[in-house]
C-alpha atoms as a PDB file:
ATOM      1  CA  MET A   1      94.729  79.183 107.096  1.00  0.00           C
ATOM      2  CA  THR A   2      94.926  79.806 103.365  1.00  0.00           C
ATOM      3  CA  GLN A   3      93.479  82.728 101.668  1.00  0.00           C
ATOM      4  CA  ASP A   4      90.436  80.770 100.194  1.00  0.00           C
ATOM      5  CA  GLU A   5      89.563  79.718 103.809  1.00  0.00           C
ATOM      6  CA  ILE A   6      89.845  83.245 104.873  1.00  0.00           C
ATOM      7  CA  ILE A   7      88.060  84.776 101.607  1.00  0.00           C
ATOM      8  CA  ARG A   8      85.280  81.756 102.897  1.00  0.00           C
ATOM      9  CA  LEU A   9      85.077  83.031 106.589  1.00  0.00           C
ATOM     10  CA  ALA A  10      84.609  86.474 105.247  1.00  0.00           C
ATOM     11  CA  GLU A  11      81.461  85.725 103.081  1.00  0.00           C
ATOM     12  CA  GLU A  12      80.224  84.196 105.766  1.00  0.00           C
ATOM     13  CA  ALA A  13      80.208  86.591 108.366  1.00  0.00           C
ATOM     14  CA  GLY A  14      78.706  89.250 105.541  1.00  0.00           C
ATOM     15  CA  VAL A  15      82.071  90.845 105.419  1.00  0.00           C
ATOM     16  CA  HIS A  16      81.654  90.764 101.467  1.00  0.00           C
ATOM     17  CA  GLU A  17      79.023  90.167  99.550  1.00  0.00           C
ATOM     18  CA  GLY A  18      78.243  88.130  96.200  1.00  0.00           C
ATOM     19  CA  GLY A  19      80.599  85.446  96.469  1.00  0.00           C
ATOM     20  CA  LYS A  20      84.142  84.562  95.486  1.00  0.00           C
ATOM     21  CA  GLU A  21      83.877  85.741  92.022  1.00  0.00           C
ATOM     22  CA  ASN A  22      83.142  89.154  93.144  1.00  0.00           C
ATOM     23  CA  TRP A  23      86.293  89.772  94.637  1.00  0.00           C
ATOM     24  CA  VAL A  24      88.390  92.011  91.939  1.00  0.00           C
ATOM     25  CA  ALA A  25      92.053  90.989  92.500  1.00  0.00           C
ATOM     26  CA  GLY A  26      93.617  93.860  93.859  1.00  0.00           C
ATOM     27  CA  ASN A  27      90.672  94.638  96.630  1.00  0.00           C
ATOM     28  CA  ARG A  28      90.928  95.218  99.375  1.00  0.00           C
ATOM     29  CA  TRP A  29      89.628  92.319 101.008  1.00  0.00           C
ATOM     30  CA  GLU A  30      91.453  90.223  98.946  1.00  0.00           C
ATOM     31  CA  ALA A  31      95.096  92.109 100.599  1.00  0.00           C
ATOM     32  CA  PHE A  32      93.808  91.618 103.587  1.00  0.00           C
ATOM     33  CA  ALA A  33      92.762  88.001 103.329  1.00  0.00           C
ATOM     34  CA  LYS A  34      96.830  87.623 101.713  1.00  0.00           C
ATOM     35  CA  LEU A  35      97.766  88.957 104.861  1.00  0.00           C
ATOM     36  CA  VAL A  36      95.989  87.250 107.295  1.00  0.00           C
ATOM     37  CA  ALA A  37      97.079  83.753 105.142  1.00  0.00           C
ATOM     38  CA  ALA A  38     100.815  84.374 105.220  1.00  0.00           C
ATOM     39  CA  ARG A  39     100.798  85.136 108.845  1.00  0.00           C
ATOM     40  CA  THR A  40     102.323  82.400 111.006  1.00  0.00           C
ATOM     41  CA  TRP A  41     100.681  81.583 114.633  1.00  0.00           C
ATOM     42  CA  VAL A  42     103.152  81.535 117.297  1.00  0.00           C
ATOM     43  CA  GLY A  43     101.852  79.243 120.006  1.00  0.00           C
ATOM     44  CA  LEU A  44     103.562  78.858 123.668  1.00  0.00           C
ATOM     45  CA  THR A  45     106.670  76.913 124.317  1.00  0.00           C
ATOM     46  CA  LEU A  46     107.387  74.830 126.659  1.00  0.00           C
ATOM     47  CA  GLU A  47     108.713  77.423 129.105  1.00  0.00           C
ATOM     48  CA  GLN A  48     105.884  79.556 128.920  1.00  0.00           C
ATOM     49  CA  TYR A  49     103.385  76.888 129.179  1.00  0.00           C
ATOM     50  CA  VAL A  50     104.761  75.658 132.255  1.00  0.00           C
ATOM     51  CA  ALA A  51     105.661  79.090 133.880  1.00  0.00           C
ATOM     52  CA  ILE A  52     101.605  79.769 133.010  1.00  0.00           C
ATOM     53  CA  ASN A  53     100.472  76.766 134.831  1.00  0.00           C
ATOM     54  CA  CYS A  54     103.096  76.983 138.128  1.00  0.00           C
ATOM     55  CA  SER A  55     101.612  80.940 138.635  1.00  0.00           C
ATOM     56  CA  CYS A  56      98.104  80.147 138.287  1.00  0.00           C
ATOM     57  CA  LEU A  57      95.529  79.122 141.194  1.00  0.00           C
ATOM     58  CA  THR A  58      92.433  78.928 139.468  1.00  0.00           C
ATOM     59  CA  VAL A  59      91.429  77.791 135.387  1.00  0.00           C
ATOM     60  CA  ASP A  60      90.176  81.078 134.979  1.00  0.00           C
ATOM     61  CA  GLN A  61      93.230  83.156 136.048  1.00  0.00           C
ATOM     62  CA  ALA A  62      95.337  80.338 133.409  1.00  0.00           C
ATOM     63  CA  THR A  63      93.257  81.155 130.707  1.00  0.00           C
ATOM     64  CA  CYS A  64      93.539  84.820 130.755  1.00  0.00           C
ATOM     65  CA  SER A  65      97.880  84.603 131.193  1.00  0.00           C
ATOM     66  CA  THR A  66      97.356  82.330 128.369  1.00  0.00           C
ATOM     67  CA  GLU A  67      95.469  84.357 126.381  1.00  0.00           C
ATOM     68  CA  ARG A  68      97.882  87.288 127.150  1.00  0.00           C
ATOM     69  CA  GLN A  69     100.891  85.767 126.093  1.00  0.00           C
ATOM     70  CA  LEU A  70      99.490  84.682 122.596  1.00  0.00           C
ATOM     71  CA  LYS A  71      98.433  87.862 122.161  1.00  0.00           C
ATOM     72  CA  GLU A  72     101.727  88.860 123.232  1.00  0.00           C
ATOM     73  CA  ASN A  73     103.472  86.086 121.146  1.00  0.00           C
ATOM     74  CA  ASN A  74     101.208  87.430 118.089  1.00  0.00           C
ATOM     75  CA  THR A  75     101.509  90.627 117.837  1.00  0.00           C
END
């Protein structure tokens, strides 16, 4: 996700009113957008995917396990 996309989402969410033209260079929201844009998403490895699917009996368990593993991979 690019910095501009993050800023657009923030505007849509009402985090910053007034549009992108009111985003002063160096303000905290712009700095936040830069940090988020710089992060690289880490997905599941094949081994993690197989382990989750082999250890879960229900879709709900698999969903929770997948969410937990993705959070761990991305923190």
